[in-house]
PDB file of N, CA and C in Angstrom:
ATOM      1  N   VAL A   1       3.030 -43.756 -14.047  1.00  0.00           N
ATOM      2  CA  VAL A   1       3.955 -42.662 -13.811  1.00  0.00           C
ATOM      3  C   VAL A   1       3.268 -41.628 -12.921  1.00  0.00           C
ATOM      4  N   GLY A   2       3.826 -41.363 -11.764  1.00  0.00           N
ATOM      5  CA  GLY A   2       3.269 -40.382 -10.843  1.00  0.00           C
ATOM      6  C   GLY A   2       3.830 -38.991 -11.113  1.00  0.00           C
ATOM      7  N   ILE A   3       3.084 -37.999 -10.720  1.00  0.00           N
ATOM      8  CA  ILE A   3       3.517 -36.619 -10.889  1.00  0.00           C
ATOM      9  C   ILE A   3       3.822 -36.057  -9.506  1.00  0.00           C
ATOM     10  N   ASN A   4       5.012 -35.521  -9.349  1.00  0.00           N
ATOM     11  CA  ASN A   4       5.397 -34.908  -8.085  1.00  0.00           C
ATOM     12  C   ASN A   4       4.839 -33.496  -8.049  1.00  0.00           C
ATOM     13  N   CYS A   5       3.977 -33.221  -7.102  1.00  0.00           N
ATOM     14  CA  CYS A   5       3.307 -31.926  -7.032  1.00  0.00           C
ATOM     15  C   CYS A   5       3.870 -31.029  -5.939  1.00  0.00           C
ATOM     16  N   PHE A   6       4.950 -31.448  -5.269  1.00  0.00           N
ATOM     17  CA  PHE A   6       5.515 -30.603  -4.228  1.00  0.00           C
ATOM     18  C   PHE A   6       6.358 -29.526  -4.886  1.00  0.00           C
ATOM     19  N   ASP A   7       6.005 -28.282  -4.652  1.00  0.00           N
ATOM     20  CA  ASP A   7       6.709 -27.145  -5.234  1.00  0.00           C
ATOM     21  C   ASP A   7       7.710 -26.632  -4.206  1.00  0.00           C
ATOM     22  N   MET A   8       8.986 -26.890  -4.437  1.00  0.00           N
ATOM     23  CA  MET A   8      10.036 -26.486  -3.499  1.00  0.00           C
ATOM     24  C   MET A   8      10.108 -24.973  -3.327  1.00  0.00           C
ATOM     25  N   LYS A   9       9.772 -24.235  -4.352  1.00  0.00           N
ATOM     26  CA  LYS A   9       9.888 -22.776  -4.298  1.00  0.00           C
ATOM     27  C   LYS A   9       8.906 -22.148  -3.315  1.00  0.00           C
ATOM     28  N   ILE A  10       7.723 -22.730  -3.207  1.00  0.00           N
ATOM     29  CA  ILE A  10       6.748 -22.172  -2.265  1.00  0.00           C
ATOM     30  C   ILE A  10       6.563 -23.067  -1.049  1.00  0.00           C
ATOM     31  N   GLY A  11       7.247 -24.219  -1.049  1.00  0.00           N
ATOM     32  CA  GLY A  11       7.197 -25.111   0.088  1.00  0.00           C
ATOM     33  C   GLY A  11       5.824 -25.696   0.356  1.00  0.00           C
ATOM     34  N   ALA A  12       5.118 -26.036  -0.710  1.00  0.00           N
ATOM     35  CA  ALA A  12       3.775 -26.568  -0.540  1.00  0.00           C
ATOM     36  C   ALA A  12       3.447 -27.520  -1.678  1.00  0.00           C
ATOM     37  N   ILE A  13       2.434 -28.322  -1.441  1.00  0.00           N
ATOM     38  CA  ILE A  13       1.948 -29.211  -2.495  1.00  0.00           C
ATOM     39  C   ILE A  13       0.977 -28.412  -3.349  1.00  0.00           C
ATOM     40  N   ARG A  14       1.276 -28.351  -4.627  1.00  0.00           N
ATOM     41  CA  ARG A  14       0.416 -27.609  -5.550  1.00  0.00           C
ATOM     42  C   ARG A  14       0.596 -28.203  -6.933  1.00  0.00           C
ATOM     43  N   CYS A  15      -0.405 -28.902  -7.396  1.00  0.00           N
ATOM     44  CA  CYS A  15      -0.392 -29.421  -8.759  1.00  0.00           C
ATOM     45  C   CYS A  15      -1.078 -28.394  -9.645  1.00  0.00           C
ATOM     46  N   GLY A  16      -0.590 -28.189 -10.777  1.00  0.00           N
ATOM     47  CA  GLY A  16      -1.233 -27.247 -11.672  1.00  0.00           C
ATOM     48  C   GLY A  16      -0.230 -26.551 -12.564  1.00  0.00           C
ATOM     49  N   PRO A  17      -0.570 -25.341 -12.950  1.00  0.00           N
ATOM     50  CA  PRO A  17       0.267 -24.622 -13.902  1.00  0.00           C
ATOM     51  C   PRO A  17       1.614 -24.266 -13.296  1.00  0.00           C
ATOM     52  N   PRO A  18       2.587 -23.961 -14.135  1.00  0.00           N
ATOM     53  CA  PRO A  18       3.900 -23.540 -13.639  1.00  0.00           C
ATOM     54  C   PRO A  18       3.774 -22.325 -12.719  1.00  0.00           C
ATOM     55  N   THR A  19       4.785 -22.109 -11.922  1.00  0.00           N
ATOM     56  CA  THR A  19       4.768 -21.051 -10.924  1.00  0.00           C
ATOM     57  C   THR A  19       4.458 -19.688 -11.517  1.00  0.00           C
ATOM     58  N   PHE A  20       5.023 -19.354 -12.697  1.00  0.00           N
ATOM     59  CA  PHE A  20       4.802 -18.018 -13.247  1.00  0.00           C
ATOM     60  C   PHE A  20       3.335 -17.768 -13.571  1.00  0.00           C
ATOM     61  N   VAL A  21       2.604 -18.810 -13.959  1.00  0.00           N
ATOM     62  CA  VAL A  21       1.173 -18.665 -14.221  1.00  0.00           C
ATOM     63  C   VAL A  21       0.439 -18.446 -12.901  1.00  0.00           C
ATOM     64  N   PHE A  22       0.790 -19.224 -11.897  1.00  0.00           N
ATOM     65  CA  PHE A  22       0.200 -19.089 -10.569  1.00  0.00           C
ATOM     66  C   PHE A  22       0.447 -17.683 -10.022  1.00  0.00           C
ATOM     67  N   VAL A  23       1.681 -17.194 -10.150  1.00  0.00           N
ATOM     68  CA  VAL A  23       2.031 -15.866  -9.649  1.00  0.00           C
ATOM     69  C   VAL A  23       1.242 -14.793 -10.386  1.00  0.00           C
ATOM     70  N   ASN A  24       1.112 -14.919 -11.700  1.00  0.00           N
ATOM     71  CA  ASN A  24       0.373 -13.916 -12.460  1.00  0.00           C
ATOM     72  C   ASN A  24      -1.088 -13.853 -12.019  1.00  0.00           C
ATOM     73  N   LYS A  25      -1.676 -14.998 -11.760  1.00  0.00           N
ATOM     74  CA  LYS A  25      -3.070 -15.021 -11.276  1.00  0.00           C
ATOM     75  C   LYS A  25      -3.178 -14.331  -9.921  1.00  0.00           C
ATOM     76  N   GLN A  26      -2.182 -14.528  -9.069  1.00  0.00           N
ATOM     77  CA  GLN A  26      -2.172 -13.879  -7.768  1.00  0.00           C
ATOM     78  C   GLN A  26      -2.057 -12.358  -7.920  1.00  0.00           C
ATOM     79  N   ILE A  27      -1.182 -11.916  -8.809  1.00  0.00           N
ATOM     80  CA  ILE A  27      -0.995 -10.475  -9.041  1.00  0.00           C
ATOM     81  C   ILE A  27      -2.289  -9.854  -9.565  1.00  0.00           C
ATOM     82  N   ILE A  28      -2.900 -10.506 -10.522  1.00  0.00           N
ATOM     83  CA  ILE A  28      -4.133  -9.981 -11.124  1.00  0.00           C
ATOM     84  C   ILE A  28      -5.252  -9.876 -10.091  1.00  0.00           C
ATOM     85  N   SER A  29      -5.300 -10.818  -9.159  1.00  0.00           N
ATOM     86  CA  SER A  29      -6.382 -10.804  -8.173  1.00  0.00           C
ATOM     87  C   SER A  29      -6.081  -9.924  -6.958  1.00  0.00           C
ATOM     88  N   ALA A  30      -4.907  -9.335  -6.900  1.00  0.00           N
ATOM     89  CA  ALA A  30      -4.545  -8.480  -5.762  1.00  0.00           C
ATOM     90  C   ALA A  30      -5.481  -7.273  -5.693  1.00  0.00           C
ATOM     91  N   SER A  31      -5.867  -6.921  -4.482  1.00  0.00           N
ATOM     92  CA  SER A  31      -6.876  -5.868  -4.297  1.00  0.00           C
ATOM     93  C   SER A  31      -6.296  -4.458  -4.242  1.00  0.00           C
ATOM     94  N   ASN A  32      -4.998  -4.341  -3.978  1.00  0.00           N
ATOM     95  CA  ASN A  32      -4.390  -3.009  -3.906  1.00  0.00           C
ATOM     96  C   ASN A  32      -2.888  -3.110  -4.157  1.00  0.00           C
ATOM     97  N   ALA A  33      -2.237  -1.960  -4.194  1.00  0.00           N
ATOM     98  CA  ALA A  33      -0.808  -1.905  -4.509  1.00  0.00           C
ATOM     99  C   ALA A  33       0.028  -2.658  -3.489  1.00  0.00           C
ATOM    100  N   ASP A  34      -0.314  -2.555  -2.216  1.00  0.00           N
ATOM    101  CA  ASP A  34       0.447  -3.267  -1.183  1.00  0.00           C
ATOM    102  C   ASP A  34       0.369  -4.779  -1.380  1.00  0.00           C
ATOM    103  N   ALA A  35      -0.791  -5.271  -1.776  1.00  0.00           N
ATOM    104  CA  ALA A  35      -0.959  -6.708  -2.019  1.00  0.00           C
ATOM    105  C   ALA A  35      -0.127  -7.153  -3.225  1.00  0.00           C
ATOM    106  N   VAL A  36      -0.078  -6.323  -4.267  1.00  0.00           N
ATOM    107  CA  VAL A  36       0.745  -6.637  -5.447  1.00  0.00           C
ATOM    108  C   VAL A  36       2.203  -6.763  -5.027  1.00  0.00           C
ATOM    109  N   LEU A  37       2.682  -5.800  -4.256  1.00  0.00           N
ATOM    110  CA  LEU A  37       4.083  -5.824  -3.835  1.00  0.00           C
ATOM    111  C   LEU A  37       4.378  -6.990  -2.898  1.00  0.00           C
ATOM    112  N   ALA A  38       3.438  -7.348  -2.061  1.00  0.00           N
ATOM    113  CA  ALA A  38       3.635  -8.497  -1.167  1.00  0.00           C
ATOM    114  C   ALA A  38       3.799  -9.782  -1.970  1.00  0.00           C
ATOM    115  N   ILE A  39       3.008  -9.927  -3.015  1.00  0.00           N
ATOM    116  CA  ILE A  39       3.109 -11.104  -3.882  1.00  0.00           C
ATOM    117  C   ILE A  39       4.459 -11.109  -4.585  1.00  0.00           C
ATOM    118  N   CYS A  40       4.863  -9.961  -5.104  1.00  0.00           N
ATOM    119  CA  CYS A  40       6.149  -9.864  -5.799  1.00  0.00           C
ATOM    120  C   CYS A  40       7.307 -10.150  -4.852  1.00  0.00           C
ATOM    121  N   ASP A  41       7.185  -9.701  -3.621  1.00  0.00           N
ATOM    122  CA  ASP A  41       8.223  -9.952  -2.629  1.00  0.00           C
ATOM    123  C   ASP A  41       8.308 -11.444  -2.314  1.00  0.00           C
ATOM    124  N   ARG A  42       7.165 -12.075  -2.135  1.00  0.00           N
ATOM    125  CA  ARG A  42       7.129 -13.502  -1.798  1.00  0.00           C
ATOM    126  C   ARG A  42       7.691 -14.374  -2.912  1.00  0.00           C
ATOM    127  N   PHE A  43       7.399 -14.024  -4.156  1.00  0.00           N
ATOM    128  CA  PHE A  43       7.812 -14.839  -5.297  1.00  0.00           C
ATOM    129  C   PHE A  43       8.915 -14.165  -6.125  1.00  0.00           C
ATOM    130  N   SER A  44       9.729 -13.344  -5.499  1.00  0.00           N
ATOM    131  CA  SER A  44      10.701 -12.537  -6.242  1.00  0.00           C
ATOM    132  C   SER A  44      11.592 -13.352  -7.175  1.00  0.00           C
ATOM    133  N   ALA A  45      12.043 -14.499  -6.742  1.00  0.00           N
ATOM    134  CA  ALA A  45      12.941 -15.310  -7.572  1.00  0.00           C
ATOM    135  C   ALA A  45      12.222 -15.946  -8.761  1.00  0.00           C
ATOM    136  N   GLU A  46      10.908 -16.076  -8.671  1.00  0.00           N
ATOM    137  CA  GLU A  46      10.151 -16.728  -9.743  1.00  0.00           C
ATOM    138  C   GLU A  46       9.559 -15.750 -10.751  1.00  0.00           C
ATOM    139  N   LEU A  47       9.630 -14.466 -10.487  1.00  0.00           N
ATOM    140  CA  LEU A  47       9.004 -13.490 -11.383  1.00  0.00           C
ATOM    141  C   LEU A  47       9.639 -13.533 -12.765  1.00  0.00           C
ATOM    142  N   ASP A  48       8.801 -13.663 -13.780  1.00  0.00           N
ATOM    143  CA  ASP A  48       9.289 -13.568 -15.153  1.00  0.00           C
ATOM    144  C   ASP A  48       8.874 -12.219 -15.734  1.00  0.00           C
ATOM    145  N   ALA A  49       9.177 -11.981 -16.997  1.00  0.00           N
ATOM    146  CA  ALA A  49       8.897 -10.688 -17.625  1.00  0.00           C
ATOM    147  C   ALA A  49       7.406 -10.355 -17.597  1.00  0.00           C
ATOM    148  N   VAL A  50       6.553 -11.332 -17.831  1.00  0.00           N
ATOM    149  CA  VAL A  50       5.115 -11.086 -17.829  1.00  0.00           C
ATOM    150  C   VAL A  50       4.637 -10.754 -16.415  1.00  0.00           C
ATOM    151  N   ASN A  51       5.160 -11.464 -15.407  1.00  0.00           N
ATOM    152  CA  ASN A  51       4.786 -11.167 -14.018  1.00  0.00           C
ATOM    153  C   ASN A  51       5.165  -9.742 -13.640  1.00  0.00           C
ATOM    154  N   VAL A  52       6.362  -9.332 -13.995  1.00  0.00           N
ATOM    155  CA  VAL A  52       6.836  -7.982 -13.665  1.00  0.00           C
ATOM    156  C   VAL A  52       5.980  -6.939 -14.371  1.00  0.00           C
ATOM    157  N   SER A  53       5.715  -7.160 -15.643  1.00  0.00           N
ATOM    158  CA  SER A  53       4.889  -6.231 -16.406  1.00  0.00           C
ATOM    159  C   SER A  53       3.476  -6.156 -15.828  1.00  0.00           C
ATOM    160  N   THR A  54       2.922  -7.299 -15.472  1.00  0.00           N
ATOM    161  CA  THR A  54       1.583  -7.333 -14.883  1.00  0.00           C
ATOM    162  C   THR A  54       1.569  -6.596 -13.549  1.00  0.00           C
ATOM    163  N   ALA A  55       2.591  -6.813 -12.740  1.00  0.00           N
ATOM    164  CA  ALA A  55       2.673  -6.133 -11.442  1.00  0.00           C
ATOM    165  C   ALA A  55       2.770  -4.624 -11.621  1.00  0.00           C
ATOM    166  N   MET A  56       3.587  -4.177 -12.554  1.00  0.00           N
ATOM    167  CA  MET A  56       3.711  -2.736 -12.806  1.00  0.00           C
ATOM    168  C   MET A  56       2.369  -2.164 -13.253  1.00  0.00           C
ATOM    169  N   HIS A  57       1.695  -2.886 -14.136  1.00  0.00           N
ATOM    170  CA  HIS A  57       0.397  -2.437 -14.633  1.00  0.00           C
ATOM    171  C   HIS A  57      -0.617  -2.350 -13.493  1.00  0.00           C
ATOM    172  N   ARG A  58      -0.641  -3.361 -12.625  1.00  0.00           N
ATOM    173  CA  ARG A  58      -1.581  -3.362 -11.497  1.00  0.00           C
ATOM    174  C   ARG A  58      -1.265  -2.228 -10.522  1.00  0.00           C
ATOM    175  N   LEU A  59       0.018  -1.938 -10.314  1.00  0.00           N
ATOM    176  CA  LEU A  59       0.382  -0.825  -9.436  1.00  0.00           C
ATOM    177  C   LEU A  59      -0.149   0.489  -9.994  1.00  0.00           C
ATOM    178  N   ALA A  60       0.050   0.688 -11.285  1.00  0.00           N
ATOM    179  CA  ALA A  60      -0.428   1.926 -11.910  1.00  0.00           C
ATOM    180  C   ALA A  60      -1.948   1.980 -11.913  1.00  0.00           C
ATOM    181  N   LYS A  61      -2.574   0.846 -12.185  1.00  0.00           N
ATOM    182  CA  LYS A  61      -4.031   0.803 -12.248  1.00  0.00           C
ATOM    183  C   LYS A  61      -4.660   0.981 -10.863  1.00  0.00           C
ATOM    184  N   SER A  62      -3.943   0.593  -9.820  1.00  0.00           N
ATOM    185  CA  SER A  62      -4.491   0.683  -8.466  1.00  0.00           C
ATOM    186  C   SER A  62      -4.638   2.127  -8.005  1.00  0.00           C
ATOM    187  N   GLY A  63      -4.079   3.016  -8.749  1.00  0.00           N
ATOM    188  CA  GLY A  63      -4.184   4.428  -8.406  1.00  0.00           C
ATOM    189  C   GLY A  63      -2.805   5.056  -8.380  1.00  0.00           C
ATOM    190  N   ALA A  64      -2.479   5.747  -9.436  1.00  0.00           N
ATOM    191  CA  ALA A  64      -1.153   6.344  -9.544  1.00  0.00           C
ATOM    192  C   ALA A  64      -0.872   7.274  -8.372  1.00  0.00           C
ATOM    193  N   ARG A  65      -1.853   8.034  -7.969  1.00  0.00           N
ATOM    194  CA  ARG A  65      -1.636   8.963  -6.854  1.00  0.00           C
ATOM    195  C   ARG A  65      -1.340   8.208  -5.569  1.00  0.00           C
ATOM    196  N   GLU A  66      -2.077   7.113  -5.356  1.00  0.00           N
ATOM    197  CA  GLU A  66      -1.856   6.297  -4.158  1.00  0.00           C
ATOM    198  C   GLU A  66      -0.436   5.733  -4.159  1.00  0.00           C
ATOM    199  N   ALA A  67      -0.041   5.164  -5.288  1.00  0.00           N
ATOM    200  CA  ALA A  67       1.277   4.540  -5.382  1.00  0.00           C
ATOM    201  C   ALA A  67       2.395   5.562  -5.201  1.00  0.00           C
ATOM    202  N   THR A  68       2.256   6.708  -5.845  1.00  0.00           N
ATOM    203  CA  THR A  68       3.282   7.739  -5.754  1.00  0.00           C
ATOM    204  C   THR A  68       3.305   8.352  -4.360  1.00  0.00           C
ATOM    205  N   ARG A  69       2.138   8.645  -3.833  1.00  0.00           N
ATOM    206  CA  ARG A  69       2.040   9.271  -2.519  1.00  0.00           C
ATOM    207  C   ARG A  69       2.631   8.380  -1.435  1.00  0.00           C
ATOM    208  N   ASN A  70       2.390   7.107  -1.530  1.00  0.00           N
ATOM    209  CA  ASN A  70       2.874   6.185  -0.511  1.00  0.00           C
ATOM    210  C   ASN A  70       4.306   5.726  -0.761  1.00  0.00           C
ATOM    211  N   GLY A  71       4.934   6.210  -1.807  1.00  0.00           N
ATOM    212  CA  GLY A  71       6.312   5.833  -2.095  1.00  0.00           C
ATOM    213  C   GLY A  71       6.480   4.345  -2.352  1.00  0.00           C
ATOM    214  N   ILE A  72       5.485   3.752  -2.983  1.00  0.00           N
ATOM    215  CA  ILE A  72       5.484   2.303  -3.163  1.00  0.00           C
ATOM    216  C   ILE A  72       6.711   1.818  -3.939  1.00  0.00           C
ATOM    217  N   LEU A  73       7.088   2.514  -4.989  1.00  0.00           N
ATOM    218  CA  LEU A  73       8.244   2.066  -5.758  1.00  0.00           C
ATOM    219  C   LEU A  73       9.552   2.331  -5.031  1.00  0.00           C
ATOM    220  N   GLU A  74       9.500   3.099  -3.966  1.00  0.00           N
ATOM    221  CA  GLU A  74      10.700   3.349  -3.165  1.00  0.00           C
ATOM    222  C   GLU A  74      10.801   2.391  -1.983  1.00  0.00           C
ATOM    223  N   SER A  75       9.768   1.589  -1.745  1.00  0.00           N
ATOM    224  CA  SER A  75       9.806   0.596  -0.675  1.00  0.00           C
ATOM    225  C   SER A  75      10.770  -0.521  -1.065  1.00  0.00           C
ATOM    226  N   SER A  76      11.117  -1.360  -0.116  1.00  0.00           N
ATOM    227  CA  SER A  76      12.041  -2.459  -0.433  1.00  0.00           C
ATOM    228  C   SER A  76      11.445  -3.398  -1.482  1.00  0.00           C
ATOM    229  N   ALA A  77      10.148  -3.692  -1.373  1.00  0.00           N
ATOM    230  CA  ALA A  77       9.502  -4.554  -2.361  1.00  0.00           C
ATOM    231  C   ALA A  77       9.417  -3.853  -3.721  1.00  0.00           C
ATOM    232  N   GLY A  78       9.181  -2.547  -3.706  1.00  0.00           N
ATOM    233  CA  GLY A  78       9.146  -1.782  -4.951  1.00  0.00           C
ATOM    234  C   GLY A  78      10.505  -1.751  -5.632  1.00  0.00           C
ATOM    235  N   ARG A  79      11.542  -1.570  -4.854  1.00  0.00           N
ATOM    236  CA  ARG A  79      12.905  -1.582  -5.414  1.00  0.00           C
ATOM    237  C   ARG A  79      13.245  -2.958  -5.970  1.00  0.00           C
ATOM    238  N   LEU A  80      12.791  -4.001  -5.274  1.00  0.00           N
ATOM    239  CA  LEU A  80      13.011  -5.359  -5.759  1.00  0.00           C
ATOM    240  C   LEU A  80      12.323  -5.554  -7.109  1.00  0.00           C
ATOM    241  N   LEU A  81      11.086  -5.089  -7.220  1.00  0.00           N
ATOM    242  CA  LEU A  81      10.339  -5.208  -8.473  1.00  0.00           C
ATOM    243  C   LEU A  81      11.044  -4.456  -9.599  1.00  0.00           C
ATOM    244  N   LEU A  82      11.507  -3.248  -9.317  1.00  0.00           N
ATOM    245  CA  LEU A  82      12.222  -2.473 -10.336  1.00  0.00           C
ATOM    246  C   LEU A  82      13.539  -3.150 -10.732  1.00  0.00           C
ATOM    247  N   GLY A  83      14.189  -3.776  -9.765  1.00  0.00           N
ATOM    248  CA  GLY A  83      15.416  -4.522 -10.072  1.00  0.00           C
ATOM    249  C   GLY A  83      15.143  -5.696 -10.989  1.00  0.00           C
ATOM    250  N   ARG A  84      14.051  -6.408 -10.721  1.00  0.00           N
ATOM    251  CA  ARG A  84      13.680  -7.522 -11.602  1.00  0.00           C
ATOM    252  C   ARG A  84      13.337  -7.008 -12.994  1.00  0.00           C
ATOM    253  N   LEU A  85      12.665  -5.860 -13.056  1.00  0.00           N
ATOM    254  CA  LEU A  85      12.339  -5.270 -14.351  1.00  0.00           C
ATOM    255  C   LEU A  85      13.621  -4.992 -15.135  1.00  0.00           C
ATOM    256  N   ARG A  86      14.588  -4.380 -14.487  1.00  0.00           N
ATOM    257  CA  ARG A  86      15.854  -4.086 -15.171  1.00  0.00           C
ATOM    258  C   ARG A  86      16.547  -5.351 -15.654  1.00  0.00           C
ATOM    259  N   SER A  87      16.581  -6.369 -14.814  1.00  0.00           N
ATOM    260  CA  SER A  87      17.300  -7.587 -15.200  1.00  0.00           C
ATOM    261  C   SER A  87      16.565  -8.387 -16.275  1.00  0.00           C
ATOM    262  N   LEU A  88      15.242  -8.301 -16.296  1.00  0.00           N
ATOM    263  CA  LEU A  88      14.454  -9.071 -17.264  1.00  0.00           C
ATOM    264  C   LEU A  88      14.111  -8.298 -18.526  1.00  0.00           C
ATOM    265  N   LEU A  89      14.450  -7.038 -18.584  1.00  0.00           N
ATOM    266  CA  LEU A  89      14.070  -6.191 -19.721  1.00  0.00           C
ATOM    267  C   LEU A  89      14.395  -6.811 -21.085  1.00  0.00           C
ATOM    268  N   PRO A  90      15.552  -7.456 -21.250  1.00  0.00           N
ATOM    269  CA  PRO A  90      15.825  -8.077 -22.561  1.00  0.00           C
ATOM    270  C   PRO A  90      14.831  -9.174 -22.940  1.00  0.00           C
ATOM    271  N   GLU A  91      14.110  -9.723 -21.972  1.00  0.00           N
ATOM    272  CA  GLU A  91      13.150 -10.787 -22.235  1.00  0.00           C
ATOM    273  C   GLU A  91      11.735 -10.263 -22.473  1.00  0.00           C
ATOM    274  N   PHE A  92      11.526  -8.971 -22.313  1.00  0.00           N
ATOM    275  CA  PHE A  92      10.193  -8.397 -22.475  1.00  0.00           C
ATOM    276  C   PHE A  92       9.759  -8.454 -23.925  1.00  0.00           C
ATOM    277  N   GLY A  93       8.540  -8.949 -24.136  1.00  0.00           N
ATOM    278  CA  GLY A  93       7.934  -8.882 -25.452  1.00  0.00           C
ATOM    279  C   GLY A  93       7.318  -7.507 -25.634  1.00  0.00           C
ATOM    280  N   SER A  94       6.740  -7.275 -26.793  1.00  0.00           N
ATOM    281  CA  SER A  94       6.182  -5.951 -27.082  1.00  0.00           C
ATOM    282  C   SER A  94       5.058  -5.568 -26.123  1.00  0.00           C
ATOM    283  N   GLN A  95       4.190  -6.519 -25.747  1.00  0.00           N
ATOM    284  CA  GLN A  95       3.084  -6.208 -24.840  1.00  0.00           C
ATOM    285  C   GLN A  95       3.594  -5.890 -23.439  1.00  0.00           C
ATOM    286  N   ALA A  96       4.532  -6.678 -22.948  1.00  0.00           N
ATOM    287  CA  ALA A  96       5.098  -6.424 -21.615  1.00  0.00           C
ATOM    288  C   ALA A  96       5.815  -5.081 -21.583  1.00  0.00           C
ATOM    289  N   LEU A  97       6.516  -4.759 -22.647  1.00  0.00           N
ATOM    290  CA  LEU A  97       7.213  -3.472 -22.731  1.00  0.00           C
ATOM    291  C   LEU A  97       6.216  -2.316 -22.769  1.00  0.00           C
ATOM    292  N   ALA A  98       5.162  -2.455 -23.563  1.00  0.00           N
ATOM    293  CA  ALA A  98       4.145  -1.401 -23.647  1.00  0.00           C
ATOM    294  C   ALA A  98       3.430  -1.214 -22.308  1.00  0.00           C
ATOM    295  N   ASN A  99       3.083  -2.315 -21.649  1.00  0.00           N
ATOM    296  CA  ASN A  99       2.412  -2.220 -20.342  1.00  0.00           C
ATOM    297  C   ASN A  99       3.308  -1.545 -19.311  1.00  0.00           C
ATOM    298  N   SER A 100       4.576  -1.886 -19.315  1.00  0.00           N
ATOM    299  CA  SER A 100       5.507  -1.287 -18.354  1.00  0.00           C
ATOM    300  C   SER A 100       5.714   0.189 -18.641  1.00  0.00           C
ATOM    301  N   ALA A 101       5.846   0.550 -19.916  1.00  0.00           N
ATOM    302  CA  ALA A 101       6.002   1.964 -20.276  1.00  0.00           C
ATOM    303  C   ALA A 101       4.771   2.765 -19.856  1.00  0.00           C
ATOM    304  N   TRP A 102       3.587   2.225 -20.098  1.00  0.00           N
ATOM    305  CA  TRP A 102       2.356   2.895 -19.668  1.00  0.00           C
ATOM    306  C   TRP A 102       2.341   3.052 -18.150  1.00  0.00           C
ATOM    307  N   SER A 103       2.780   2.026 -17.441  1.00  0.00           N
ATOM    308  CA  SER A 103       2.799   2.077 -15.983  1.00  0.00           C
ATOM    309  C   SER A 103       3.703   3.187 -15.472  1.00  0.00           C
ATOM    310  N   PHE A 104       4.898   3.306 -16.049  1.00  0.00           N
ATOM    311  CA  PHE A 104       5.800   4.358 -15.636  1.00  0.00           C
ATOM    312  C   PHE A 104       5.214   5.738 -15.951  1.00  0.00           C
ATOM    313  N   ALA A 105       4.593   5.867 -17.103  1.00  0.00           N
ATOM    314  CA  ALA A 105       3.983   7.145 -17.465  1.00  0.00           C
ATOM    315  C   ALA A 105       2.834   7.498 -16.528  1.00  0.00           C
ATOM    316  N   THR A 106       2.090   6.493 -16.090  1.00  0.00           N
ATOM    317  CA  THR A 106       0.945   6.708 -15.223  1.00  0.00           C
ATOM    318  C   THR A 106       1.370   6.979 -13.782  1.00  0.00           C
ATOM    319  N   LEU A 107       2.400   6.255 -13.341  1.00  0.00           N
ATOM    320  CA  LEU A 107       2.872   6.464 -11.967  1.00  0.00           C
ATOM    321  C   LEU A 107       3.588   7.787 -11.855  1.00  0.00           C
TER     322      LEU A 107
END
C-alpha cells in the first residue's frame, strides 16, 4: 500500500504530519510579526483553532508596540487572522482561548 504524499493545499510533495501541525511549526519558527502574518495568509484555509491562537500569541510576543504601531491587525492578513479567530472561536479549547485573550490584552 503506497502513501500519496502530494499535498493539494500547498501544491507540493510533503509526507509527514497533517497540515495544521506543519503550519503551527511554521508559525512558531517565524522571526517577526510580518512573517507570522505571511504564514497565516498563505495557509488561511487550513488554519485551525490552535494555529490561530498560536499566531495571535506570536504576534503579541513579537512586541506589542511593534504590532500596534505598524497596524498589523489592521492589515489584510491581520483582518484575515481575526476573521478566522471569530469563525473558529467555538472550537477553541481553554488553552487556545487563554492564549488569545492574553494576546489581545498584550496587543
